[in-house]
Amino acid sequence: MKSASDYQARRWTALILLCVAQFIVVLDASIVNVALPSIGRGLHFSEQNLPWVVNAYLIAFGGFLLLGGRAADLLGRRRVFMAGLALVALSSLAAGFATTQGQLIAARAAQGLGAAITSPAALSIVTTLFHDGAERNKALGAWGAVAGSAGAVGVLLGGILTAGLGWEWVLWVNVPVSLIALAFTPGLIPESRSDAATRHFDAAGAVTITAGLSLLAYVLLDAASAGWGSSKIVSLLVASGLLLAAFVAIELRSKAPLVPFRIFRIRTVTGANVVGLLLGASLFSMFFFITLYMQQVLHYSPIHAGLSYLPLSVTIVLAAGIGGQLVTRVGFKPVLAVGMASIAVGLLWFSRISVGGSFLADILGPSLLAALGLGLGFVTSTIAAVTGVEGREQGLASGLINTSQQIGGALGLAILSAIATSRTHTVLASGASPVNALNEGFRVAFAAGAGFAVLGLVATLVLIRTKDSRAHVEMARAETAQA
């Protein structure tokens, strides 16, 4: 039986395993995008139902993240992490063998549930394996590099697998990776859990927040097609609001709440989650609109579009690594501010795309700038979100920042898609060509995304405490001096 010191000696190897798991989680959200046409033909999907191959995953992922984080704290982080990986492997296998629309959508929802269990458990393991300060900043820099680049890599890998082996392999690729990670987990990761005296799941809180967030994610993703003013969307939005209000009431009265609201007394944690929401809203949809622009306006093939993401992916990896180092020297607040400003400028640059554009003129420059911002912003918002949080609530803090980023992504995609569609219809009605109308819609969506990034910059400057950022630097310096 391994001792605590044995696990500590292997913590950097364990980090590789944890990053691989997070890579799978983020990859699954994007890898099927390029394969959607092939999936639609293979399983006879209608145009209306095809987006639910993606949406089913995102709804389950966003809805169950908080529950997954709390389960990790109470049941054991390694145990929950392994359960999540096993579910990802089994559901991925089932998804590849699906023969009907319903089977595939159900399997994708199960994948999302597995991801919601795996991701906060993995992040909380990182924050417990590595002490707050310079070492944790390096670890979270690597974590951010992997998570930030996985979305772009997913587009490339999805194109290659779909063209070479078939759409099923876009789903099956998870199976061997998950099983290998499962095999190595017991030898690399120690078991840990909350030391809270009260061990209670808060079933009422879990049901209301999971149902409320899942319903909200569904509304945000379906609103673009159903219409924001439709009776269906309005009624579901009201139901989601009532469930979330009930959750707050339950938590305030519970002796062992799923989300102890005292965590929001830490202003920097609250600020980091607000910034995480706006980061997701501004940037996660960027991949969606860039891909559409390349394929529908510039007429790139799926593989050509995927290869065009390589500079962006490399920049995210480098920026995340640099961001982790900079936080140790100057604190997370200035680095996060630079990241949000870079995202805003990059998206404003994207709003100048043209029908007769090219990769060098319209994509490379703004994608590098936005990637720099994503690499810096993702890492620093995560570091800030777990700063000052007690060890027994690391899973909760990890679940919160994951939830903020994912719900922000769903919210941003819904709003920006609605803006783009409205602008496209207006330009079409004026007599413009379909390609020009699409391009105009994308331009407006990028400009609106830049607006979210500006709000994120303001939230960083106002809500993130400079005192906490400086204290983090002092802690890192003291840790380095003792090493």
Protein backbone atom coordinates (compact mmCIF):
# COMPACT_ATOMS: atom_id res chain seq x y z
CA MET A 1 0.00 0.00 0.00
CA LYS A 2 1.42 3.36 -1.06
CA SER A 3 2.10 6.10 1.48
CA ALA A 4 1.23 9.79 1.10
CA SER A 5 4.87 10.55 0.28
CA ASP A 6 4.83 8.00 -2.57
CA TYR A 7 1.85 9.75 -4.14
CA GLN A 8 3.45 13.17 -3.63
CA ALA A 9 6.58 11.99 -5.44
CA ARG A 10 4.42 11.01 -8.42
CA ARG A 11 2.16 14.05 -8.43
CA TRP A 12 3.51 15.46 -11.72
CA THR A 13 2.90 12.14 -13.44
CA ALA A 14 -0.57 12.14 -11.87
CA LEU A 15 -1.10 15.60 -13.34
CA ILE A 16 -0.54 14.19 -16.84
CA LEU A 17 -3.25 11.60 -16.22
CA LEU A 18 -5.66 14.25 -14.87
CA CYS A 19 -5.00 16.51 -17.85
CA VAL A 20 -5.72 13.61 -20.22
CA ALA A 21 -9.08 13.12 -18.51
CA GLN A 22 -9.94 16.82 -18.82
CA PHE A 23 -8.82 16.76 -22.45
CA ILE A 24 -11.39 14.02 -23.14
CA VAL A 25 -14.13 16.01 -21.39
CA VAL A 26 -13.56 19.20 -23.43
CA LEU A 27 -12.84 17.26 -26.63
CA ASP A 28 -16.22 15.53 -26.50
CA ALA A 29 -18.02 18.86 -26.70
CA SER A 30 -16.35 19.82 -30.00
CA ILE A 31 -15.17 16.68 -31.77
CA VAL A 32 -18.61 15.75 -33.13
CA ASN A 33 -19.21 19.15 -34.80
CA VAL A 34 -17.37 18.32 -38.02
CA ALA A 35 -18.89 14.81 -38.03
CA LEU A 36 -22.52 16.04 -37.78
CA PRO A 37 -23.25 15.83 -41.54
CA SER A 38 -21.96 12.23 -41.64
CA ILE A 39 -23.92 11.32 -38.49
CA GLY A 40 -27.04 12.89 -39.98
CA ARG A 41 -26.76 10.77 -43.14
CA GLY A 42 -25.84 7.60 -41.25
CA LEU A 43 -28.71 7.72 -38.74
CA HIS A 44 -31.19 9.70 -40.89
CA PHE A 45 -31.33 12.71 -38.59
CA SER A 46 -33.58 15.63 -39.48
CA GLU A 47 -31.99 19.10 -39.55
CA GLN A 48 -34.08 19.98 -36.50
CA ASN A 49 -32.82 17.04 -34.40
CA LEU A 50 -29.17 16.97 -35.48
CA PRO A 51 -27.98 19.76 -33.12
CA TRP A 52 -29.11 17.61 -30.16
CA VAL A 53 -26.14 15.34 -30.73
CA VAL A 54 -24.14 18.25 -29.30
CA ASN A 55 -26.83 19.73 -27.04
CA ALA A 56 -27.54 16.49 -25.15
CA TYR A 57 -23.91 16.38 -24.02
CA LEU A 58 -23.81 20.06 -23.03
CA ILE A 59 -27.09 19.96 -21.07
CA ALA A 60 -26.07 16.95 -18.98
CA PHE A 61 -22.57 18.37 -18.48
CA GLY A 62 -23.75 21.81 -17.35
CA GLY A 63 -26.59 20.45 -15.23
CA PHE A 64 -24.67 17.90 -13.16
CA LEU A 65 -21.34 19.70 -12.55
CA LEU A 66 -22.19 20.99 -9.07
CA LEU A 67 -23.48 17.60 -7.99
CA GLY A 68 -20.35 15.96 -9.41
CA GLY A 69 -18.10 18.33 -7.48
CA ARG A 70 -19.93 17.77 -4.20
CA ALA A 71 -19.97 13.99 -4.70
CA ALA A 72 -16.18 14.11 -5.10
CA ASP A 73 -15.81 15.94 -1.79
CA LEU A 74 -18.07 13.56 0.13
CA LEU A 75 -17.56 10.14 -1.47
CA GLY A 76 -13.87 10.43 -2.29
CA ARG A 77 -12.29 12.30 -5.17
CA ARG A 78 -10.41 9.34 -6.68
CA ARG A 79 -13.45 7.06 -6.45
CA VAL A 80 -15.74 9.59 -8.14
CA PHE A 81 -13.09 10.40 -10.77
CA MET A 82 -12.81 6.72 -11.70
CA ALA A 83 -16.60 6.29 -11.79
CA GLY A 84 -16.84 9.25 -14.16
CA LEU A 85 -14.13 7.85 -16.46
CA ALA A 86 -15.86 4.46 -16.54
CA LEU A 87 -19.16 6.11 -17.51
CA VAL A 88 -17.44 8.13 -20.26
CA ALA A 89 -15.90 4.94 -21.69
CA LEU A 90 -19.15 2.93 -21.60
CA SER A 91 -21.32 5.73 -23.02
CA SER A 92 -18.78 6.46 -25.78
CA LEU A 93 -18.81 2.80 -26.77
CA ALA A 94 -22.61 2.80 -26.81
CA ALA A 95 -22.73 6.04 -28.82
CA GLY A 96 -20.53 4.59 -31.57
CA PHE A 97 -22.77 1.52 -31.83
CA ALA A 98 -26.00 3.58 -31.89
CA THR A 99 -28.38 2.66 -34.71
CA THR A 100 -31.13 5.22 -34.03
CA GLN A 101 -31.34 8.92 -33.26
CA GLY A 102 -32.69 8.26 -29.77
CA GLN A 103 -29.90 5.84 -28.89
CA LEU A 104 -27.20 8.30 -29.93
CA ILE A 105 -28.75 11.28 -28.12
CA ALA A 106 -29.20 9.20 -24.94
CA ALA A 107 -25.60 7.98 -25.12
CA ARG A 108 -24.36 11.55 -25.62
CA ALA A 109 -26.33 12.64 -22.53
CA ALA A 110 -24.65 9.81 -20.59
CA GLN A 111 -21.27 11.06 -21.87
CA GLY A 112 -22.15 14.51 -20.53
CA LEU A 113 -23.04 13.04 -17.14
CA GLY A 114 -19.72 11.16 -17.07
CA ALA A 115 -17.90 14.39 -17.92
CA ALA A 116 -19.75 16.28 -15.16
CA ILE A 117 -18.59 13.65 -12.67
CA THR A 118 -15.01 13.47 -13.98
CA SER A 119 -14.12 17.13 -14.51
CA PRO A 120 -14.70 18.69 -11.04
CA ALA A 121 -13.24 15.58 -9.38
CA ALA A 122 -10.09 15.89 -11.50
CA LEU A 123 -9.71 19.62 -10.84
CA SER A 124 -10.21 19.17 -7.10
CA ILE A 125 -7.56 16.41 -7.11
CA VAL A 126 -5.15 18.87 -8.78
CA THR A 127 -5.83 21.49 -6.10
CA THR A 128 -5.31 18.98 -3.28
CA LEU A 129 -2.17 17.36 -4.78
CA PHE A 130 -0.48 20.73 -5.31
CA HIS A 131 -0.22 23.32 -2.56
CA ASP A 132 -1.50 26.85 -3.13
CA GLY A 133 1.25 28.98 -4.63
CA ALA A 134 3.87 28.60 -7.37
CA GLU A 135 3.54 24.81 -7.65
CA ARG A 136 -0.24 24.88 -8.02
CA ASN A 137 0.06 27.72 -10.55
CA LYS A 138 2.34 25.56 -12.72
CA ALA A 139 -0.06 22.63 -12.42
CA LEU A 140 -3.09 24.74 -13.29
CA GLY A 141 -1.13 26.28 -16.16
CA ALA A 142 -0.74 22.81 -17.64
CA TRP A 143 -4.39 22.07 -16.87
CA GLY A 144 -5.50 25.25 -18.63
CA ALA A 145 -3.29 24.58 -21.64
CA VAL A 146 -4.86 21.16 -22.16
CA ALA A 147 -8.44 22.25 -21.48
CA GLY A 148 -8.13 25.42 -23.55
CA SER A 149 -6.66 23.71 -26.61
CA ALA A 150 -8.92 20.63 -26.56
CA GLY A 151 -11.79 22.47 -28.22
CA ALA A 152 -9.64 23.43 -31.20
CA VAL A 153 -7.96 20.01 -31.39
CA GLY A 154 -11.42 18.43 -31.39
CA VAL A 155 -12.31 20.15 -34.65
CA LEU A 156 -9.11 18.88 -36.30
CA LEU A 157 -9.33 15.35 -34.90
CA GLY A 158 -13.02 15.14 -35.73
CA GLY A 159 -12.31 15.97 -39.37
CA ILE A 160 -9.48 13.45 -39.66
CA LEU A 161 -11.38 10.58 -37.99
CA THR A 162 -14.60 11.22 -39.89
CA ALA A 163 -12.83 11.35 -43.25
CA GLY A 164 -10.53 8.40 -42.57
CA LEU A 165 -12.45 5.92 -40.42
CA GLY A 166 -16.06 7.06 -40.15
CA TRP A 167 -18.10 9.09 -37.66
CA GLU A 168 -18.26 6.23 -35.14
CA TRP A 169 -14.56 6.67 -34.35
CA VAL A 170 -15.18 10.25 -33.24
CA LEU A 171 -16.99 8.62 -30.30
CA TRP A 172 -14.95 5.44 -29.90
CA VAL A 173 -11.64 7.33 -29.56
CA ASN A 174 -12.54 7.96 -25.89
CA VAL A 175 -12.76 4.28 -25.00
CA PRO A 176 -9.09 3.18 -25.03
CA VAL A 177 -7.89 6.49 -23.56
CA SER A 178 -10.40 6.29 -20.68
CA LEU A 179 -9.55 2.65 -19.94
CA ILE A 180 -5.80 3.37 -19.87
CA ALA A 181 -6.39 6.33 -17.53
CA LEU A 182 -8.52 4.11 -15.28
CA ALA A 183 -5.77 1.49 -15.09
CA PHE A 184 -3.14 4.02 -13.94
CA THR A 185 -5.32 6.01 -11.52
CA PRO A 186 -4.97 3.85 -8.34
CA GLY A 187 -1.17 3.89 -8.55
CA LEU A 188 -0.87 7.64 -9.14
CA ILE A 189 -3.70 9.35 -7.27
CA PRO A 190 -4.39 9.05 -3.54
CA GLU A 191 -7.91 8.98 -2.17
CA SER A 192 -9.05 12.20 -0.51
CA ARG A 193 -12.33 13.64 0.65
CA SER A 194 -13.86 16.41 2.71
CA ASP A 195 -13.14 16.27 6.44
CA ALA A 196 -16.53 17.81 7.25
CA ALA A 197 -18.20 16.34 10.30
CA THR A 198 -21.59 16.31 8.58
CA ARG A 199 -21.68 14.00 5.57
CA HIS A 200 -24.95 14.65 3.80
CA PHE A 201 -25.81 14.92 0.12
CA ASP A 202 -28.62 17.46 0.45
CA ALA A 203 -30.90 15.51 -1.90
CA ALA A 204 -33.46 18.33 -2.23
CA GLY A 205 -30.73 20.82 -3.16
CA ALA A 206 -29.15 18.37 -5.61
CA VAL A 207 -32.47 17.71 -7.38
CA THR A 208 -33.47 21.39 -7.69
CA ILE A 209 -30.07 22.73 -8.87
CA THR A 210 -29.50 19.87 -11.31
CA ALA A 211 -33.03 20.15 -12.75
CA GLY A 212 -32.83 23.95 -12.81
CA LEU A 213 -29.44 24.11 -14.55
CA SER A 214 -30.32 21.32 -16.99
CA LEU A 215 -33.56 23.08 -17.90
CA LEU A 216 -31.73 26.40 -18.25
CA ALA A 217 -29.13 24.81 -20.52
CA TYR A 218 -31.94 23.27 -22.60
CA VAL A 219 -33.71 26.63 -22.92
CA LEU A 220 -30.54 28.46 -23.93
CA LEU A 221 -29.66 25.87 -26.56
CA ASP A 222 -33.20 25.50 -27.98
CA ALA A 223 -34.16 29.18 -27.96
CA ALA A 224 -32.41 29.89 -31.26
CA SER A 225 -34.71 27.49 -33.14
CA ALA A 226 -37.90 27.74 -31.05
CA GLY A 227 -37.76 31.53 -30.62
CA TRP A 228 -37.21 33.47 -27.39
CA GLY A 229 -40.80 34.67 -27.35
CA SER A 230 -42.39 31.26 -27.85
CA SER A 231 -44.69 29.93 -25.12
CA LYS A 232 -42.48 26.84 -24.81
CA ILE A 233 -39.29 28.78 -24.11
CA VAL A 234 -40.98 31.31 -21.79
CA SER A 235 -42.67 28.59 -19.70
CA LEU A 236 -39.48 26.53 -19.44
CA LEU A 237 -37.48 29.63 -18.50
CA VAL A 238 -39.96 30.40 -15.72
CA ALA A 239 -39.79 26.78 -14.52
CA SER A 240 -35.99 26.96 -14.47
CA GLY A 241 -36.11 30.20 -12.50
CA LEU A 242 -38.50 28.70 -9.94
CA LEU A 243 -36.28 25.62 -9.50
CA LEU A 244 -33.18 27.78 -9.01
CA ALA A 245 -35.07 29.99 -6.52
CA ALA A 246 -36.18 26.86 -4.64
CA PHE A 247 -32.55 25.72 -4.58
CA VAL A 248 -31.45 28.98 -2.95
CA ALA A 249 -34.23 28.69 -0.34
CA ILE A 250 -33.29 25.07 0.43
CA GLU A 251 -29.58 25.88 0.74
CA LEU A 252 -30.19 28.75 3.14
CA ARG A 253 -32.08 26.41 5.49
CA SER A 254 -29.97 23.25 5.11
CA LYS A 255 -27.52 22.21 7.85
CA ALA A 256 -25.27 20.58 5.26
CA PRO A 257 -25.99 22.40 1.97
CA LEU A 258 -24.80 21.25 -1.45
CA VAL A 259 -23.45 24.78 -2.00
CA PRO A 260 -22.61 26.57 1.26
CA PHE A 261 -23.24 30.20 0.33
CA ARG A 262 -20.52 31.27 2.72
CA ILE A 263 -18.09 30.46 -0.11
CA PHE A 264 -19.38 33.58 -1.89
CA ARG A 265 -18.26 35.72 1.03
CA ILE A 266 -14.81 35.34 -0.52
CA ARG A 267 -15.15 38.22 -2.98
CA THR A 268 -12.41 36.97 -5.27
CA VAL A 269 -14.14 33.57 -5.63
CA THR A 270 -17.39 35.31 -6.55
CA GLY A 271 -15.56 37.58 -8.99
CA ALA A 272 -13.72 34.67 -10.59
CA ASN A 273 -17.01 32.88 -11.25
CA VAL A 274 -18.56 36.02 -12.78
CA VAL A 275 -15.51 36.39 -15.03
CA GLY A 276 -15.64 32.66 -15.85
CA LEU A 277 -19.27 33.08 -16.96
CA LEU A 278 -18.38 36.02 -19.22
CA LEU A 279 -15.25 34.26 -20.50
CA GLY A 280 -17.39 31.31 -21.58
CA ALA A 281 -20.02 33.60 -23.10
CA SER A 282 -17.46 35.53 -25.16
CA LEU A 283 -15.11 32.80 -26.31
CA PHE A 284 -16.69 29.33 -26.38
CA SER A 285 -18.94 30.37 -29.27
CA MET A 286 -15.90 31.74 -31.13
CA PHE A 287 -15.00 28.21 -32.23
CA PHE A 288 -18.56 27.71 -33.51
CA PHE A 289 -18.63 30.89 -35.61
CA ILE A 290 -15.06 30.57 -36.94
CA THR A 291 -15.82 27.04 -38.13
CA LEU A 292 -19.03 28.18 -39.85
CA TYR A 293 -17.23 31.14 -41.44
CA MET A 294 -14.47 28.93 -42.82
CA GLN A 295 -16.86 26.27 -44.17
CA GLN A 296 -19.87 28.32 -45.27
CA VAL A 297 -18.23 31.57 -46.42
CA LEU A 298 -14.67 30.60 -47.37
CA HIS A 299 -15.79 27.06 -48.41
CA TYR A 300 -13.05 25.18 -46.52
CA SER A 301 -13.26 21.40 -46.29
CA PRO A 302 -13.62 19.89 -42.77
CA ILE A 303 -9.93 18.90 -42.67
CA HIS A 304 -8.83 22.30 -44.03
CA ALA A 305 -10.91 24.01 -41.35
CA GLY A 306 -9.43 21.74 -38.68
CA LEU A 307 -5.85 22.40 -39.77
CA SER A 308 -6.55 26.14 -39.62
CA TYR A 309 -7.00 25.76 -35.86
CA LEU A 310 -3.42 24.58 -35.29
CA PRO A 311 -1.87 28.06 -34.69
CA LEU A 312 -4.72 28.83 -32.29
CA SER A 313 -4.21 25.56 -30.39
CA VAL A 314 -0.45 26.07 -30.04
CA THR A 315 -0.96 29.65 -28.84
CA ILE A 316 -3.45 28.54 -26.16
CA VAL A 317 -0.98 25.95 -24.85
CA LEU A 318 1.88 28.47 -24.70
CA ALA A 319 -0.27 31.24 -23.20
CA ALA A 320 -1.68 28.96 -20.50
CA GLY A 321 1.82 27.85 -19.48
CA ILE A 322 3.08 31.44 -19.44
CA GLY A 323 -0.04 32.54 -17.55
CA GLY A 324 0.64 30.06 -14.76
CA GLN A 325 4.16 31.43 -14.39
CA LEU A 326 3.07 35.09 -14.53
CA VAL A 327 0.51 34.59 -11.76
CA THR A 328 3.36 33.57 -9.46
CA ARG A 329 5.22 36.81 -10.23
CA VAL A 330 2.55 39.49 -10.58
CA GLY A 331 -0.68 37.91 -9.25
CA PHE A 332 -3.79 36.65 -10.97
CA LYS A 333 -5.66 39.96 -11.28
CA PRO A 334 -3.37 41.75 -13.81
CA VAL A 335 -2.89 38.56 -15.85
CA LEU A 336 -6.65 37.97 -15.99
CA ALA A 337 -7.23 41.59 -16.99
CA VAL A 338 -4.73 41.30 -19.87
CA GLY A 339 -6.40 38.06 -20.94
CA MET A 340 -9.91 39.55 -21.08
CA ALA A 341 -8.61 42.63 -22.92
CA SER A 342 -6.88 40.38 -25.50
CA ILE A 343 -10.11 38.45 -26.04
CA ALA A 344 -12.06 41.68 -26.56
CA VAL A 345 -9.59 43.02 -29.12
CA GLY A 346 -9.35 39.65 -30.90
CA LEU A 347 -13.14 39.36 -31.26
CA LEU A 348 -13.41 42.97 -32.45
CA TRP A 349 -10.80 42.12 -35.09
CA PHE A 350 -12.87 39.07 -36.08
CA SER A 351 -15.87 41.38 -36.58
CA ARG A 352 -14.08 42.72 -39.69
CA ILE A 353 -14.16 39.38 -41.60
CA SER A 354 -15.13 39.60 -45.25
CA VAL A 355 -16.69 37.36 -47.92
CA GLY A 356 -13.53 37.54 -50.02
CA GLY A 357 -11.30 36.98 -47.04
CA SER A 358 -8.41 34.61 -46.46
CA PHE A 359 -6.78 32.72 -43.62
CA LEU A 360 -3.87 35.17 -43.36
CA ALA A 361 -5.97 38.32 -43.64
CA ASP A 362 -9.06 37.42 -41.60
CA ILE A 363 -8.36 34.44 -39.32
CA LEU A 364 -4.73 34.09 -38.22
CA GLY A 365 -4.17 37.44 -36.48
CA PRO A 366 -7.39 37.66 -34.44
CA SER A 367 -7.33 33.95 -33.60
CA LEU A 368 -3.81 34.28 -32.12
CA LEU A 369 -4.89 37.28 -30.04
CA ALA A 370 -8.06 35.57 -28.82
CA ALA A 371 -6.08 32.39 -28.09
CA LEU A 372 -3.61 34.40 -26.00
CA GLY A 373 -6.53 35.77 -24.01
CA LEU A 374 -8.13 32.36 -23.60
CA GLY A 375 -4.89 30.79 -22.38
CA LEU A 376 -4.31 33.57 -19.85
CA GLY A 377 -7.95 33.93 -18.82
CA PHE A 378 -8.81 30.27 -18.38
CA VAL A 379 -5.87 29.55 -16.10
CA THR A 380 -6.07 32.70 -13.99
CA SER A 381 -9.85 32.56 -13.47
CA THR A 382 -9.45 28.95 -12.29
CA ILE A 383 -6.62 29.88 -9.90
CA ALA A 384 -8.65 32.79 -8.52
CA ALA A 385 -11.76 30.59 -8.14
CA VAL A 386 -10.01 28.15 -5.76
CA THR A 387 -7.92 30.73 -3.89
CA GLY A 388 -8.73 30.97 -0.20
CA VAL A 389 -11.11 27.98 -0.33
CA GLU A 390 -10.75 25.37 2.41
CA GLY A 391 -9.49 21.94 1.37
CA ARG A 392 -12.79 20.24 2.24
CA GLU A 393 -14.59 22.45 -0.31
CA GLN A 394 -12.15 22.23 -3.23
CA GLY A 395 -14.55 19.97 -5.14
CA LEU A 396 -17.33 22.50 -4.67
CA ALA A 397 -15.11 25.39 -5.84
CA SER A 398 -13.97 23.33 -8.85
CA GLY A 399 -17.57 22.47 -9.72
CA LEU A 400 -18.60 26.12 -9.44
CA ILE A 401 -15.97 27.50 -11.84
CA ASN A 402 -16.65 24.66 -14.31
CA THR A 403 -20.38 25.39 -14.10
CA SER A 404 -19.85 29.12 -14.59
CA GLN A 405 -17.76 28.57 -17.71
CA GLN A 406 -20.14 25.99 -19.21
CA ILE A 407 -23.36 27.90 -18.50
CA GLY A 408 -21.61 31.02 -19.81
CA GLY A 409 -20.74 29.14 -22.98
CA ALA A 410 -24.33 27.95 -23.47
CA LEU A 411 -25.71 31.43 -22.72
CA GLY A 412 -23.24 33.10 -25.07
CA LEU A 413 -23.90 30.65 -27.90
CA ALA A 414 -27.67 31.09 -27.58
CA ILE A 415 -27.52 34.89 -27.50
CA LEU A 416 -24.89 35.27 -30.21
CA SER A 417 -26.62 32.73 -32.47
CA ALA A 418 -29.88 34.66 -32.11
CA ILE A 419 -28.07 37.93 -32.94
CA ALA A 420 -26.31 36.38 -35.95
CA THR A 421 -29.53 34.79 -37.27
CA SER A 422 -31.51 38.02 -36.89
CA ARG A 423 -28.85 40.03 -38.73
CA THR A 424 -28.58 37.43 -41.50
CA HIS A 425 -32.37 37.49 -42.07
CA THR A 426 -32.38 41.30 -42.15
CA VAL A 427 -29.57 41.44 -44.73
CA LEU A 428 -31.23 38.71 -46.83
CA ALA A 429 -34.48 40.68 -46.83
CA SER A 430 -32.61 43.67 -48.24
CA GLY A 431 -31.67 41.63 -51.33
CA ALA A 432 -28.10 40.60 -50.45
CA SER A 433 -26.70 37.18 -51.41
CA PRO A 434 -26.88 34.33 -48.87
CA VAL A 435 -23.09 34.33 -48.42
CA ASN A 436 -22.99 38.08 -47.75
CA ALA A 437 -25.89 37.74 -45.33
CA LEU A 438 -24.15 34.92 -43.43
CA ASN A 439 -20.95 36.94 -43.23
CA GLU A 440 -22.82 39.96 -41.84
CA GLY A 441 -24.41 37.76 -39.18
CA PHE A 442 -21.04 36.39 -38.12
CA ARG A 443 -19.55 39.89 -37.93
CA VAL A 444 -22.28 41.12 -35.58
CA ALA A 445 -21.94 37.99 -33.41
CA PHE A 446 -18.19 38.54 -33.01
CA ALA A 447 -18.78 42.20 -32.05
CA ALA A 448 -21.34 41.15 -29.43
CA GLY A 449 -18.90 38.54 -28.11
CA ALA A 450 -16.33 41.33 -27.71
CA GLY A 451 -18.92 43.13 -25.57
CA PHE A 452 -19.08 40.13 -23.20
CA ALA A 453 -15.27 40.18 -22.97
CA VAL A 454 -15.30 43.90 -22.07
CA LEU A 455 -17.80 43.15 -19.28
CA GLY A 456 -15.41 40.41 -18.13
CA LEU A 457 -12.56 42.91 -18.03
CA VAL A 458 -14.68 45.30 -15.93
CA ALA A 459 -15.67 42.46 -13.58
CA THR A 460 -11.99 41.54 -13.19
CA LEU A 461 -11.02 45.08 -12.22
CA VAL A 462 -13.98 45.59 -9.86
CA LEU A 463 -14.65 42.18 -8.26
CA ILE A 464 -11.22 40.50 -8.04
CA ARG A 465 -9.48 41.80 -4.93
CA THR A 466 -6.02 43.23 -5.52
CA LYS A 467 -5.19 42.28 -1.93
CA ASP A 468 -5.89 38.59 -2.63
CA SER A 469 -3.86 38.73 -5.84
CA ARG A 470 -0.84 40.22 -4.04
CA ALA A 471 -1.20 37.75 -1.16
CA HIS A 472 -1.01 34.95 -3.70
CA VAL A 473 2.30 36.34 -4.99
CA GLU A 474 3.72 36.57 -1.47
CA MET A 475 2.70 32.99 -0.75
CA ALA A 476 4.37 31.81 -3.95
CA ARG A 477 7.57 33.68 -3.12
CA ALA A 478 7.65 32.21 0.39
CA GLU A 479 7.12 28.74 -1.05
CA THR A 480 9.97 29.25 -3.51
CA ALA A 481 12.29 30.54 -0.76
CA GLN A 482 11.63 27.42 1.35
CA ALA A 483 12.23 25.04 -1.57
